[in-house]
Amino acid sequence: MNKGTIQVICGKGKGKTTAALGMGIEALTKNRTVIMIQFLKGCPGKGSLDILKRLEPEMKIFRFEKSDGLFEDLSKEQQEEERMNIRNGLNFAKKVLSTGECDILILDEILGLLDQKIVEAEELIRLLQFKVEEMDVILTGKVFSKEIEPYVDNILEIDHLKVDNTK
C-alpha cells in the first residue's frame, strides 16, 4: 500500500500553482484521481477557471470564495464574508482528507491563509492529521511556516534568480 506524502510548494515567485497542477496532471496519466481546492484566488471572472474545468471529471477543482478581488484588497465586511467561504473550503478539505475521496489533494494557496491570519498553524496541522494513509497532499503558498515542517515530507521552494521588470 502506498504511504501518501505531504508536499509543499512555496516561494515568492510565480509557478507554485502551475507546479502543483503539473503534478496533478502527471497523476491523471497514472489513472489517479485529483481534487484541487483553491484558496485566496477569489473568483475573477471565469477565464483561468474555465480552462481548469476542462480537466473534469478526472481532476475536480473547487473555489469557495465569491469575491472577484484579492483578499487583502477587500473591505473588512467583504473579508469577513470571505472568511466564512474559506471556512467552507476548509471543511470540504477535511471531508476529502478523512474519506480518501481522491488519490491527490492539492490545497492551492492554503499557506496564504496563515499569512493572512485566517487560520493558525495549529489548525492547519489538525487538518492535515485527517489525511488517510495512502493519500498524497500538496500545499502551496508564498511563505512556508516552520511550525508545520514536522508534518511535511517534501518542500519545493520556487525562487526566481532573475526577473525582467522592464516588461
Protein backbone atom coordinates (compact mmCIF):
# COMPACT_ATOMS: atom_id res chain seq x y z
CA MET A 1 0.00 0.00 0.00
CA ASN A 2 1.24 3.49 -0.88
CA LYS A 3 2.07 5.66 2.12
CA GLY A 4 0.90 9.05 0.98
CA THR A 5 3.04 12.14 1.35
CA ILE A 6 2.54 15.77 2.23
CA GLN A 7 4.44 18.10 -0.09
CA VAL A 8 4.85 21.86 0.00
CA ILE A 9 5.50 24.13 -2.97
CA CYS A 10 6.39 27.60 -1.72
CA GLY A 11 8.27 30.73 -2.69
CA LYS A 12 7.74 34.35 -3.61
CA GLY A 13 7.87 33.76 -7.34
CA LYS A 14 5.25 32.60 -9.77
CA GLY A 15 4.78 28.96 -10.66
CA LYS A 16 3.55 27.29 -7.47
CA THR A 17 0.04 26.59 -8.74
CA THR A 18 1.44 25.59 -12.13
CA ALA A 19 3.84 23.11 -10.50
CA ALA A 20 1.01 21.64 -8.41
CA LEU A 21 -1.20 21.36 -11.49
CA GLY A 22 1.64 19.62 -13.31
CA MET A 23 1.87 17.07 -10.51
CA GLY A 24 -1.88 16.63 -10.70
CA ILE A 25 -1.83 16.10 -14.46
CA GLU A 26 1.02 13.61 -14.10
CA ALA A 27 -1.12 11.71 -11.59
CA LEU A 28 -4.01 11.66 -14.07
CA THR A 29 -1.74 9.88 -16.58
CA LYS A 30 -1.39 7.14 -13.95
CA ASN A 31 -5.18 6.84 -13.53
CA ARG A 32 -5.13 8.55 -10.15
CA THR A 33 -7.87 10.93 -9.06
CA VAL A 34 -7.13 14.55 -8.16
CA ILE A 35 -9.03 17.25 -6.31
CA MET A 36 -7.76 20.83 -6.14
CA ILE A 37 -9.19 23.33 -3.67
CA GLN A 38 -8.04 26.87 -4.35
CA PHE A 39 -7.87 29.50 -1.62
CA LEU A 40 -7.31 33.25 -1.89
CA LYS A 41 -7.81 33.17 -5.65
CA GLY A 42 -11.16 34.90 -5.41
CA CYS A 43 -13.45 34.24 -8.31
CA PRO A 44 -12.07 36.55 -11.02
CA GLY A 45 -14.36 36.07 -13.97
CA LYS A 46 -14.20 32.65 -15.46
CA GLY A 47 -11.08 32.69 -17.67
CA SER A 48 -8.47 30.53 -15.97
CA LEU A 49 -11.03 28.54 -14.01
CA ASP A 50 -12.83 27.64 -17.27
CA ILE A 51 -9.60 26.18 -18.64
CA LEU A 52 -9.04 24.17 -15.47
CA LYS A 53 -12.63 22.89 -15.50
CA ARG A 54 -11.83 21.17 -18.82
CA LEU A 55 -9.82 18.67 -16.79
CA GLU A 56 -13.02 17.45 -15.12
CA PRO A 57 -14.18 14.86 -14.25
CA GLU A 58 -10.69 13.41 -13.78
CA MET A 59 -9.45 16.48 -11.88
CA LYS A 60 -12.02 18.36 -9.85
CA ILE A 61 -11.31 21.99 -8.97
CA PHE A 62 -13.14 23.96 -6.28
CA ARG A 63 -13.16 27.60 -5.21
CA PHE A 64 -15.37 28.62 -2.33
CA GLU A 65 -14.67 32.34 -2.38
CA LYS A 66 -17.15 34.63 -4.12
CA SER A 67 -15.29 37.94 -4.36
CA ASP A 68 -13.50 38.93 -7.55
CA GLY A 69 -10.71 40.75 -5.71
CA LEU A 70 -7.66 39.79 -3.70
CA PHE A 71 -8.43 39.13 -0.03
CA GLU A 72 -6.10 41.86 1.25
CA ASP A 73 -7.80 44.44 -1.01
CA LEU A 74 -11.32 43.71 0.25
CA SER A 75 -13.20 45.81 2.79
CA LYS A 76 -13.44 44.44 6.34
CA GLU A 77 -17.06 43.38 5.66
CA GLN A 78 -16.08 41.57 2.47
CA GLN A 79 -13.15 39.89 4.25
CA GLU A 80 -15.49 38.58 6.95
CA GLU A 81 -17.81 37.15 4.30
CA GLU A 82 -14.86 35.55 2.52
CA ARG A 83 -13.60 34.10 5.82
CA MET A 84 -16.89 32.17 6.04
CA ASN A 85 -16.49 30.99 2.44
CA ILE A 86 -12.89 29.95 3.17
CA ARG A 87 -14.11 28.02 6.23
CA ASN A 88 -16.48 26.13 3.91
CA GLY A 89 -13.46 25.28 1.76
CA LEU A 90 -11.51 24.08 4.79
CA ASN A 91 -14.45 21.92 5.92
CA PHE A 92 -14.63 20.41 2.44
CA ALA A 93 -10.87 19.75 2.57
CA LYS A 94 -11.33 17.98 5.92
CA LYS A 95 -14.04 15.77 4.38
CA VAL A 96 -11.84 14.90 1.39
CA LEU A 97 -8.85 14.16 3.64
CA SER A 98 -10.80 11.94 6.01
CA THR A 99 -12.77 9.99 3.40
CA GLY A 100 -9.93 9.43 0.94
CA GLU A 101 -12.16 10.79 -1.83
CA CYS A 102 -9.16 11.19 -4.14
CA ASP A 103 -5.58 10.00 -4.55
CA ILE A 104 -4.09 13.52 -4.59
CA LEU A 105 -5.48 16.60 -2.87
CA ILE A 106 -3.99 19.95 -3.87
CA LEU A 107 -4.64 22.74 -1.36
CA ASP A 108 -3.62 25.67 -3.52
CA GLU A 109 -2.53 28.78 -1.62
CA ILE A 110 -3.52 27.28 1.73
CA LEU A 111 -0.25 28.59 3.18
CA GLY A 112 -1.54 32.07 2.33
CA LEU A 113 -4.29 31.51 4.90
CA LEU A 114 -1.53 31.52 7.52
CA ASP A 115 -0.05 34.74 6.09
CA GLN A 116 -3.47 36.42 6.14
CA LYS A 117 -4.08 35.16 9.69
CA ILE A 118 -7.26 33.40 8.59
CA VAL A 119 -6.01 30.19 10.21
CA GLU A 120 -3.21 29.44 12.65
CA ALA A 121 -0.53 26.82 12.03
CA GLU A 122 -2.10 24.54 14.66
CA GLU A 123 -5.38 24.47 12.73
CA LEU A 124 -3.59 23.55 9.51
CA ILE A 125 -1.71 20.79 11.35
CA ARG A 126 -5.01 19.43 12.75
CA LEU A 127 -6.47 19.50 9.24
CA LEU A 128 -3.53 17.52 7.84
CA GLN A 129 -3.93 14.90 10.56
CA PHE A 130 -7.25 13.90 8.97
CA LYS A 131 -5.34 12.61 5.91
CA VAL A 132 -5.93 8.96 5.13
CA GLU A 133 -2.71 6.95 4.95
CA GLU A 134 -2.42 6.49 1.18
CA MET A 135 -3.40 10.00 0.03
CA ASP A 136 -0.87 12.50 -1.31
CA VAL A 137 -1.41 16.14 -0.34
CA ILE A 138 0.21 19.18 -1.97
CA LEU A 139 0.18 22.54 -0.17
CA THR A 140 1.12 25.76 -1.97
CA GLY A 141 1.76 29.31 -0.83
CA LYS A 142 4.36 32.04 -0.73
CA VAL A 143 5.65 31.60 2.80
CA PHE A 144 6.36 28.25 4.47
CA SER A 145 5.66 28.11 8.20
CA LYS A 146 8.37 26.17 10.06
CA GLU A 147 5.68 25.07 12.53
CA ILE A 148 4.27 22.61 10.01
CA GLU A 149 7.66 21.25 8.90
CA PRO A 150 7.48 18.09 11.09
CA TYR A 151 4.28 17.09 9.25
CA VAL A 152 5.69 17.60 5.74
CA ASP A 153 7.65 15.07 3.68
CA ASN A 154 8.97 17.28 0.87
CA ILE A 155 9.44 21.03 0.41
CA LEU A 156 9.97 22.58 -3.01
CA GLU A 157 10.87 26.26 -2.93
CA ILE A 158 10.47 28.22 -6.13
CA ASP A 159 12.96 31.06 -6.43
CA HIS A 160 13.36 33.44 -9.34
CA LEU A 161 17.05 34.11 -9.89
CA LYS A 162 16.46 36.82 -12.46
CA VAL A 163 13.31 38.81 -13.12
CA ASP A 164 13.00 41.23 -16.02
CA ASN A 165 10.98 44.13 -14.57
CA THR A 166 11.03 46.14 -17.82
CA LYS A 167 8.07 44.27 -19.31
